[in-house]
Amino acid sequence: MSRRVVGFYKRDGKTRPITMGTGRRRAITEMRVPRTLKRIDIQRKNYGIKYTGNGHWELRLGNLTDAGWFWEGDEYSMLSFLARLDKSAYIDEFLRDMKGAGLSWNDIKSILQRNMIRSDDGLYPLSGDNRTWEFGDLDDLFSEDVRNFLDDGSFDIEEGKRDEIENDAYDYADLSYGNFARKYGDDYRKLMKGIIDNAKSLNDFLNKISSEDVVYDINEMVHNFVDDEAYSAISKAIEAKSSNGK
């Protein structure tokens, strides 16, 4: 029976998995991911990254005074930190700071590899961030999908009930990020694992996650999610009408 991988460690120049059966002592004494002996503390006006020991990191983006927003994270949100920083005007400065502080791609890569075992780190910003998941950016797409499904004959709807079903469908949709992550988290992790493993440097990794192909793949996940929700919402609205005898 295969054992679940919970981390990685290095021996003889090779990265090896730590499984549930490996034992707590070995995980503590040999695990090099994401532990480091380096003293990393980079603090700028618009970003910060600090290694606090025992595998823990403090991450920061933005500032309320000038940027008008502020974000804090830890080692479990490293990819989210990098994805947001990559879209800012400060990425080149960060890459220089990183080099000056001795923070290597391998240090970061090991954290990302660990996160991709079971978390959705990075999916939120890469799939549209707050614009998509907090500010209603999916509403128009959902409305269009609902109308298309109702017009293309996908559903057999009683005459005169179409507009009513269209309006009711909104009550049965769950367009939350949590729902999206539950349904497409595995696809995302599979995509990211390959990118992380094959990236030669942080700059190479950032170029890959912002490439046309990867942007398309993640956008397709979002569009498929909305399609599924639209179809499901119409089905539930029709079923509710039928159950109520209306």
C-alpha atoms as a PDB file:
ATOM      1  CA  MET A   1       0.000   0.000   0.000  1.00  0.00           C
ATOM      2  CA  SER A   2       1.412   3.402  -0.966  1.00  0.00           C
ATOM      3  CA  ARG A   3       2.065   5.905   1.789  1.00  0.00           C
ATOM      4  CA  ARG A   4       1.032   9.542   1.622  1.00  0.00           C
ATOM      5  CA  VAL A   5       3.889  11.971   1.007  1.00  0.00           C
ATOM      6  CA  VAL A   6       3.964  14.751   3.606  1.00  0.00           C
ATOM      7  CA  GLY A   7       7.254  16.453   2.744  1.00  0.00           C
ATOM      8  CA  PHE A   8      10.718  16.129   1.275  1.00  0.00           C
ATOM      9  CA  TYR A   9      14.325  15.996   2.484  1.00  0.00           C
ATOM     10  CA  LYS A  10      17.704  15.978   0.795  1.00  0.00           C
ATOM     11  CA  ARG A  11      20.358  13.242   0.984  1.00  0.00           C
ATOM     12  CA  ASP A  12      23.353  12.687  -1.260  1.00  0.00           C
ATOM     13  CA  GLY A  13      22.255  15.562  -3.467  1.00  0.00           C
ATOM     14  CA  LYS A  14      18.834  14.023  -4.165  1.00  0.00           C
ATOM     15  CA  THR A  15      15.415  15.165  -3.021  1.00  0.00           C
ATOM     16  CA  ARG A  16      13.573  12.299  -1.340  1.00  0.00           C
ATOM     17  CA  PRO A  17       9.967  12.074  -0.063  1.00  0.00           C
ATOM     18  CA  ILE A  18       8.962  11.889   3.573  1.00  0.00           C
ATOM     19  CA  THR A  19       5.925   9.642   4.018  1.00  0.00           C
ATOM     20  CA  MET A  20       3.529   9.280   6.914  1.00  0.00           C
ATOM     21  CA  GLY A  21       5.433   6.164   7.925  1.00  0.00           C
ATOM     22  CA  THR A  22       8.847   7.821   7.895  1.00  0.00           C
ATOM     23  CA  GLY A  23       8.554   8.919  11.498  1.00  0.00           C
ATOM     24  CA  ARG A  24       8.490  12.255  13.286  1.00  0.00           C
ATOM     25  CA  ARG A  25      12.173  12.145  14.305  1.00  0.00           C
ATOM     26  CA  ARG A  26      13.370  11.692  10.741  1.00  0.00           C
ATOM     27  CA  ALA A  27      11.050  14.442   9.538  1.00  0.00           C
ATOM     28  CA  ILE A  28      12.496  16.816  12.118  1.00  0.00           C
ATOM     29  CA  THR A  29      16.187  15.912  11.827  1.00  0.00           C
ATOM     30  CA  GLU A  30      16.522  15.294   8.074  1.00  0.00           C
ATOM     31  CA  MET A  31      13.813  17.358   6.447  1.00  0.00           C
ATOM     32  CA  ARG A  32      15.403  20.256   4.566  1.00  0.00           C
ATOM     33  CA  VAL A  33      12.183  21.530   3.094  1.00  0.00           C
ATOM     34  CA  PRO A  34      11.542  24.311   3.824  1.00  0.00           C
ATOM     35  CA  ARG A  35      14.093  24.638   6.638  1.00  0.00           C
ATOM     36  CA  THR A  36      17.232  26.676   6.101  1.00  0.00           C
ATOM     37  CA  LEU A  37      20.128  27.962   8.189  1.00  0.00           C
ATOM     38  CA  LYS A  38      20.148  31.229   6.258  1.00  0.00           C
ATOM     39  CA  ARG A  39      19.091  34.443   7.939  1.00  0.00           C
ATOM     40  CA  ILE A  40      16.655  35.905   5.446  1.00  0.00           C
ATOM     41  CA  ASP A  41      14.992  39.214   6.256  1.00  0.00           C
ATOM     42  CA  ILE A  42      14.117  41.458   3.319  1.00  0.00           C
ATOM     43  CA  GLN A  43      11.899  44.402   4.214  1.00  0.00           C
ATOM     44  CA  ARG A  44      10.877  47.031   1.671  1.00  0.00           C
ATOM     45  CA  LYS A  45       8.060  49.543   1.610  1.00  0.00           C
ATOM     46  CA  ASN A  46       5.839  47.376  -0.583  1.00  0.00           C
ATOM     47  CA  TYR A  47       6.960  43.852   0.279  1.00  0.00           C
ATOM     48  CA  GLY A  48       8.710  41.794   2.903  1.00  0.00           C
ATOM     49  CA  ILE A  49       9.920  38.226   3.376  1.00  0.00           C
ATOM     50  CA  LYS A  50      11.499  36.873   6.550  1.00  0.00           C
ATOM     51  CA  TYR A  51      12.571  33.408   7.654  1.00  0.00           C
ATOM     52  CA  THR A  52      11.638  33.038  11.323  1.00  0.00           C
ATOM     53  CA  GLY A  53      13.045  29.536  11.889  1.00  0.00           C
ATOM     54  CA  ASN A  54      11.740  25.975  12.054  1.00  0.00           C
ATOM     55  CA  GLY A  55      10.467  26.181   8.481  1.00  0.00           C
ATOM     56  CA  HIS A  56       8.315  29.255   9.063  1.00  0.00           C
ATOM     57  CA  TRP A  57       8.206  32.411   6.943  1.00  0.00           C
ATOM     58  CA  GLU A  58       6.540  35.809   7.254  1.00  0.00           C
ATOM     59  CA  LEU A  59       5.385  37.361   3.975  1.00  0.00           C
ATOM     60  CA  ARG A  60       4.002  40.829   3.332  1.00  0.00           C
ATOM     61  CA  LEU A  61       2.748  42.811   0.346  1.00  0.00           C
ATOM     62  CA  GLY A  62       1.434  46.353  -0.096  1.00  0.00           C
ATOM     63  CA  ASN A  63       1.064  49.155   2.407  1.00  0.00           C
ATOM     64  CA  LEU A  64      -2.049  50.952   3.550  1.00  0.00           C
ATOM     65  CA  THR A  65      -0.494  54.409   3.353  1.00  0.00           C
ATOM     66  CA  ASP A  66       0.384  54.474  -0.355  1.00  0.00           C
ATOM     67  CA  ALA A  67      -0.925  51.307  -1.991  1.00  0.00           C
ATOM     68  CA  GLY A  68      -4.197  51.346  -0.065  1.00  0.00           C
ATOM     69  CA  TRP A  69      -4.105  47.621   0.617  1.00  0.00           C
ATOM     70  CA  PHE A  70      -2.126  45.205   2.760  1.00  0.00           C
ATOM     71  CA  TRP A  71      -1.615  41.441   2.659  1.00  0.00           C
ATOM     72  CA  GLU A  72       0.172  39.072   5.020  1.00  0.00           C
ATOM     73  CA  GLY A  73       0.990  35.408   4.520  1.00  0.00           C
ATOM     74  CA  ASP A  74       3.252  32.589   5.607  1.00  0.00           C
ATOM     75  CA  GLU A  75       5.108  29.639   4.085  1.00  0.00           C
ATOM     76  CA  TYR A  76       1.804  28.087   3.036  1.00  0.00           C
ATOM     77  CA  SER A  77       1.057  31.057   0.793  1.00  0.00           C
ATOM     78  CA  MET A  78       4.502  31.436  -0.817  1.00  0.00           C
ATOM     79  CA  LEU A  79       3.213  30.922  -4.358  1.00  0.00           C
ATOM     80  CA  SER A  80       0.444  33.475  -3.793  1.00  0.00           C
ATOM     81  CA  PHE A  81       3.081  35.934  -2.574  1.00  0.00           C
ATOM     82  CA  LEU A  82       5.227  35.395  -5.671  1.00  0.00           C
ATOM     83  CA  ALA A  83       2.299  35.486  -8.115  1.00  0.00           C
ATOM     84  CA  ARG A  84       1.083  38.821  -6.763  1.00  0.00           C
ATOM     85  CA  LEU A  85       4.588  40.267  -6.584  1.00  0.00           C
ATOM     86  CA  ASP A  86       5.211  39.201 -10.187  1.00  0.00           C
ATOM     87  CA  LYS A  87       2.280  41.361 -11.315  1.00  0.00           C
ATOM     88  CA  SER A  88       3.615  44.400  -9.472  1.00  0.00           C
ATOM     89  CA  ALA A  89       6.214  47.021 -10.348  1.00  0.00           C
ATOM     90  CA  TYR A  90       8.550  45.637  -7.670  1.00  0.00           C
ATOM     91  CA  ILE A  91       9.447  42.191  -8.987  1.00  0.00           C
ATOM     92  CA  ASP A  92      12.840  43.204 -10.396  1.00  0.00           C
ATOM     93  CA  GLU A  93      13.755  44.869  -7.119  1.00  0.00           C
ATOM     94  CA  PHE A  94      12.705  41.740  -5.239  1.00  0.00           C
ATOM     95  CA  LEU A  95      14.822  39.494  -7.483  1.00  0.00           C
ATOM     96  CA  ARG A  96      17.849  41.704  -6.767  1.00  0.00           C
ATOM     97  CA  ASP A  97      17.113  41.677  -3.025  1.00  0.00           C
ATOM     98  CA  MET A  98      16.692  37.929  -3.120  1.00  0.00           C
ATOM     99  CA  LYS A  99      20.094  37.467  -4.736  1.00  0.00           C
ATOM    100  CA  GLY A 100      21.740  39.872  -2.300  1.00  0.00           C
ATOM    101  CA  ALA A 101      20.255  38.062   0.699  1.00  0.00           C
ATOM    102  CA  GLY A 102      21.380  34.651  -0.528  1.00  0.00           C
ATOM    103  CA  LEU A 103      17.822  33.407  -0.964  1.00  0.00           C
ATOM    104  CA  SER A 104      18.051  30.798  -3.723  1.00  0.00           C
ATOM    105  CA  TRP A 105      15.482  29.313  -6.077  1.00  0.00           C
ATOM    106  CA  ASN A 106      16.035  25.941  -4.405  1.00  0.00           C
ATOM    107  CA  ASP A 107      15.038  27.456  -1.043  1.00  0.00           C
ATOM    108  CA  ILE A 108      11.756  28.668  -2.517  1.00  0.00           C
ATOM    109  CA  LYS A 109      11.229  25.680  -4.808  1.00  0.00           C
ATOM    110  CA  SER A 110      11.231  23.256  -1.909  1.00  0.00           C
ATOM    111  CA  ILE A 111       8.482  25.251  -0.180  1.00  0.00           C
ATOM    112  CA  LEU A 112       6.359  25.320  -3.330  1.00  0.00           C
ATOM    113  CA  GLN A 113       6.803  21.582  -3.836  1.00  0.00           C
ATOM    114  CA  ARG A 114       5.628  20.917  -0.293  1.00  0.00           C
ATOM    115  CA  ASN A 115       2.631  23.231  -0.724  1.00  0.00           C
ATOM    116  CA  MET A 116       1.530  21.471  -3.894  1.00  0.00           C
ATOM    117  CA  ILE A 117       1.099  18.174  -2.041  1.00  0.00           C
ATOM    118  CA  ARG A 118      -2.344  19.191  -0.856  1.00  0.00           C
ATOM    119  CA  SER A 119      -2.874  22.977  -0.794  1.00  0.00           C
ATOM    120  CA  ASP A 120      -4.214  25.354  -3.437  1.00  0.00           C
ATOM    121  CA  ASP A 121      -1.483  27.947  -2.828  1.00  0.00           C
ATOM    122  CA  GLY A 122      -1.398  30.418  -5.738  1.00  0.00           C
ATOM    123  CA  LEU A 123      -4.692  29.406  -7.328  1.00  0.00           C
ATOM    124  CA  TYR A 124      -6.584  32.390  -5.910  1.00  0.00           C
ATOM    125  CA  PRO A 125      -4.390  35.135  -7.432  1.00  0.00           C
ATOM    126  CA  LEU A 126      -3.689  33.202 -10.640  1.00  0.00           C
ATOM    127  CA  SER A 127      -7.410  32.672 -11.283  1.00  0.00           C
ATOM    128  CA  GLY A 128      -8.264  36.353 -11.017  1.00  0.00           C
ATOM    129  CA  ASP A 129      -7.710  37.307  -7.375  1.00  0.00           C
ATOM    130  CA  ASN A 130     -10.254  39.555  -5.628  1.00  0.00           C
ATOM    131  CA  ARG A 131     -11.525  40.898  -8.942  1.00  0.00           C
ATOM    132  CA  THR A 132     -12.890  37.458  -9.780  1.00  0.00           C
ATOM    133  CA  TRP A 133     -13.821  36.070  -6.377  1.00  0.00           C
ATOM    134  CA  GLU A 134     -14.906  39.124  -4.383  1.00  0.00           C
ATOM    135  CA  PHE A 135     -16.014  41.817  -6.828  1.00  0.00           C
ATOM    136  CA  GLY A 136     -18.450  39.847  -9.011  1.00  0.00           C
ATOM    137  CA  ASP A 137     -16.313  39.494 -12.121  1.00  0.00           C
ATOM    138  CA  LEU A 138     -17.958  36.122 -12.863  1.00  0.00           C
ATOM    139  CA  ASP A 139     -21.534  37.418 -12.833  1.00  0.00           C
ATOM    140  CA  ASP A 140     -21.675  38.382 -16.507  1.00  0.00           C
ATOM    141  CA  LEU A 141     -20.112  35.087 -17.577  1.00  0.00           C
ATOM    142  CA  PHE A 142     -22.602  33.148 -15.472  1.00  0.00           C
ATOM    143  CA  SER A 143     -25.536  35.124 -16.887  1.00  0.00           C
ATOM    144  CA  GLU A 144     -24.356  34.490 -20.432  1.00  0.00           C
ATOM    145  CA  ASP A 145     -23.977  30.763 -19.770  1.00  0.00           C
ATOM    146  CA  VAL A 146     -27.465  30.538 -18.257  1.00  0.00           C
ATOM    147  CA  ARG A 147     -29.008  32.286 -21.256  1.00  0.00           C
ATOM    148  CA  ASN A 148     -27.068  30.095 -23.696  1.00  0.00           C
ATOM    149  CA  PHE A 149     -28.169  26.878 -21.992  1.00  0.00           C
ATOM    150  CA  LEU A 150     -31.788  28.042 -21.972  1.00  0.00           C
ATOM    151  CA  ASP A 151     -31.678  29.074 -25.642  1.00  0.00           C
ATOM    152  CA  ASP A 152     -29.817  26.129 -27.154  1.00  0.00           C
ATOM    153  CA  GLY A 153     -32.339  23.472 -26.194  1.00  0.00           C
ATOM    154  CA  SER A 154     -30.301  21.949 -23.380  1.00  0.00           C
ATOM    155  CA  PHE A 155     -33.413  21.983 -21.182  1.00  0.00           C
ATOM    156  CA  ASP A 156     -37.044  21.160 -21.880  1.00  0.00           C
ATOM    157  CA  ILE A 157     -38.819  24.094 -20.257  1.00  0.00           C
ATOM    158  CA  GLU A 158     -42.535  24.680 -20.088  1.00  0.00           C
ATOM    159  CA  GLU A 159     -43.672  27.513 -22.332  1.00  0.00           C
ATOM    160  CA  GLY A 160     -43.713  30.856 -20.569  1.00  0.00           C
ATOM    161  CA  LYS A 161     -41.399  29.690 -17.775  1.00  0.00           C
ATOM    162  CA  ARG A 162     -38.053  30.563 -19.363  1.00  0.00           C
ATOM    163  CA  ASP A 163     -37.533  33.989 -17.759  1.00  0.00           C
ATOM    164  CA  GLU A 164     -38.679  32.692 -14.399  1.00  0.00           C
ATOM    165  CA  ILE A 165     -36.183  29.824 -14.547  1.00  0.00           C
ATOM    166  CA  GLU A 166     -33.425  32.220 -15.612  1.00  0.00           C
ATOM    167  CA  ASN A 167     -34.077  34.470 -12.625  1.00  0.00           C
ATOM    168  CA  ASP A 168     -34.333  31.555 -10.176  1.00  0.00           C
ATOM    169  CA  ALA A 169     -31.069  30.006 -11.381  1.00  0.00           C
ATOM    170  CA  TYR A 170     -29.041  32.666  -9.552  1.00  0.00           C
ATOM    171  CA  ASP A 171     -30.357  31.384  -6.220  1.00  0.00           C
ATOM    172  CA  TYR A 172     -28.863  27.924  -6.854  1.00  0.00           C
ATOM    173  CA  ALA A 173     -25.353  28.863  -7.993  1.00  0.00           C
ATOM    174  CA  ASP A 174     -22.259  28.722  -5.812  1.00  0.00           C
ATOM    175  CA  LEU A 175     -19.611  30.840  -7.525  1.00  0.00           C
ATOM    176  CA  SER A 176     -17.393  31.060  -4.445  1.00  0.00           C
ATOM    177  CA  TYR A 177     -13.657  30.514  -4.568  1.00  0.00           C
ATOM    178  CA  GLY A 178     -13.988  27.696  -2.035  1.00  0.00           C
ATOM    179  CA  ASN A 179     -16.295  25.780  -4.349  1.00  0.00           C
ATOM    180  CA  PHE A 180     -13.966  26.390  -7.287  1.00  0.00           C
ATOM    181  CA  ALA A 181     -10.904  25.214  -5.332  1.00  0.00           C
ATOM    182  CA  ARG A 182     -12.682  22.032  -4.231  1.00  0.00           C
ATOM    183  CA  LYS A 183     -13.575  21.155  -7.802  1.00  0.00           C
ATOM    184  CA  TYR A 184     -10.402  22.212  -9.621  1.00  0.00           C
ATOM    185  CA  GLY A 185      -7.714  22.067  -6.937  1.00  0.00           C
ATOM    186  CA  ASP A 186      -6.393  18.715  -8.145  1.00  0.00           C
ATOM    187  CA  ASP A 187      -6.111  19.939 -11.747  1.00  0.00           C
ATOM    188  CA  TYR A 188      -4.291  23.039 -10.544  1.00  0.00           C
ATOM    189  CA  ARG A 189      -1.849  21.118  -8.354  1.00  0.00           C
ATOM    190  CA  LYS A 190      -1.015  18.768 -11.223  1.00  0.00           C
ATOM    191  CA  LEU A 191      -0.322  21.739 -13.492  1.00  0.00           C
ATOM    192  CA  MET A 192       1.814  23.562 -10.916  1.00  0.00           C
ATOM    193  CA  LYS A 193       3.830  20.528  -9.863  1.00  0.00           C
ATOM    194  CA  GLY A 194       5.171  20.111 -13.385  1.00  0.00           C
ATOM    195  CA  ILE A 195       6.035  23.797 -13.666  1.00  0.00           C
ATOM    196  CA  ILE A 196       7.766  23.935 -10.280  1.00  0.00           C
ATOM    197  CA  ASP A 197       9.783  20.767 -10.875  1.00  0.00           C
ATOM    198  CA  ASN A 198      11.004  21.909 -14.310  1.00  0.00           C
ATOM    199  CA  ALA A 199      11.753  25.556 -13.532  1.00  0.00           C
ATOM    200  CA  LYS A 200      15.478  26.402 -13.521  1.00  0.00           C
ATOM    201  CA  SER A 201      15.198  29.626 -11.534  1.00  0.00           C
ATOM    202  CA  LEU A 202      12.614  31.830  -9.868  1.00  0.00           C
ATOM    203  CA  ASN A 203      12.565  34.080 -12.918  1.00  0.00           C
ATOM    204  CA  ASP A 204      12.004  31.025 -15.119  1.00  0.00           C
ATOM    205  CA  PHE A 205       9.169  29.894 -12.842  1.00  0.00           C
ATOM    206  CA  LEU A 206       7.494  33.310 -12.928  1.00  0.00           C
ATOM    207  CA  ASN A 207       7.776  33.419 -16.709  1.00  0.00           C
ATOM    208  CA  LYS A 208       6.150  29.999 -16.917  1.00  0.00           C
ATOM    209  CA  ILE A 209       3.164  30.759 -14.660  1.00  0.00           C
ATOM    210  CA  SER A 210       2.473  33.964 -16.594  1.00  0.00           C
ATOM    211  CA  SER A 211       2.905  32.308 -19.998  1.00  0.00           C
ATOM    212  CA  GLU A 212       0.034  32.241 -22.464  1.00  0.00           C
ATOM    213  CA  ASP A 213      -0.421  28.475 -22.122  1.00  0.00           C
ATOM    214  CA  VAL A 214      -0.666  28.472 -18.319  1.00  0.00           C
ATOM    215  CA  VAL A 215      -2.930  31.533 -18.251  1.00  0.00           C
ATOM    216  CA  TYR A 216      -5.179  29.756 -20.766  1.00  0.00           C
ATOM    217  CA  ASP A 217      -5.242  26.547 -18.721  1.00  0.00           C
ATOM    218  CA  ILE A 218      -6.269  28.333 -15.526  1.00  0.00           C
ATOM    219  CA  ASN A 219      -8.802  30.538 -17.321  1.00  0.00           C
ATOM    220  CA  GLU A 220     -10.294  27.393 -18.818  1.00  0.00           C
ATOM    221  CA  MET A 221     -10.710  25.947 -15.313  1.00  0.00           C
ATOM    222  CA  VAL A 222     -12.614  29.079 -14.301  1.00  0.00           C
ATOM    223  CA  HIS A 223     -14.805  29.030 -17.410  1.00  0.00           C
ATOM    224  CA  ASN A 224     -15.554  25.325 -17.019  1.00  0.00           C
ATOM    225  CA  PHE A 225     -16.426  25.925 -13.377  1.00  0.00           C
ATOM    226  CA  VAL A 226     -18.907  28.670 -14.300  1.00  0.00           C
ATOM    227  CA  ASP A 227     -20.373  26.496 -17.083  1.00  0.00           C
ATOM    228  CA  ASP A 228     -20.915  23.647 -14.626  1.00  0.00           C
ATOM    229  CA  GLU A 229     -22.489  25.966 -12.060  1.00  0.00           C
ATOM    230  CA  ALA A 230     -24.824  27.484 -14.649  1.00  0.00           C
ATOM    231  CA  TYR A 231     -26.009  24.091 -15.866  1.00  0.00           C
ATOM    232  CA  SER A 232     -26.418  22.787 -12.312  1.00  0.00           C
ATOM    233  CA  ALA A 233     -28.263  25.930 -11.178  1.00  0.00           C
ATOM    234  CA  ILE A 234     -30.784  25.673 -14.036  1.00  0.00           C
ATOM    235  CA  SER A 235     -31.379  21.995 -13.256  1.00  0.00           C
ATOM    236  CA  LYS A 236     -32.021  22.794  -9.593  1.00  0.00           C
ATOM    237  CA  ALA A 237     -34.317  25.689 -10.460  1.00  0.00           C
ATOM    238  CA  ILE A 238     -36.387  23.463 -12.771  1.00  0.00           C
ATOM    239  CA  GLU A 239     -36.500  20.700 -10.164  1.00  0.00           C
ATOM    240  CA  ALA A 240     -37.659  23.172  -7.505  1.00  0.00           C
ATOM    241  CA  LYS A 241     -40.461  24.392  -9.783  1.00  0.00           C
ATOM    242  CA  SER A 242     -41.515  20.841 -10.464  1.00  0.00           C
ATOM    243  CA  SER A 243     -41.485  19.906  -6.770  1.00  0.00           C
ATOM    244  CA  ASN A 244     -43.583  22.939  -5.911  1.00  0.00           C
ATOM    245  CA  GLY A 245     -46.006  22.178  -8.704  1.00  0.00           C
ATOM    246  CA  LYS A 246     -45.534  25.577 -10.300  1.00  0.00           C
END
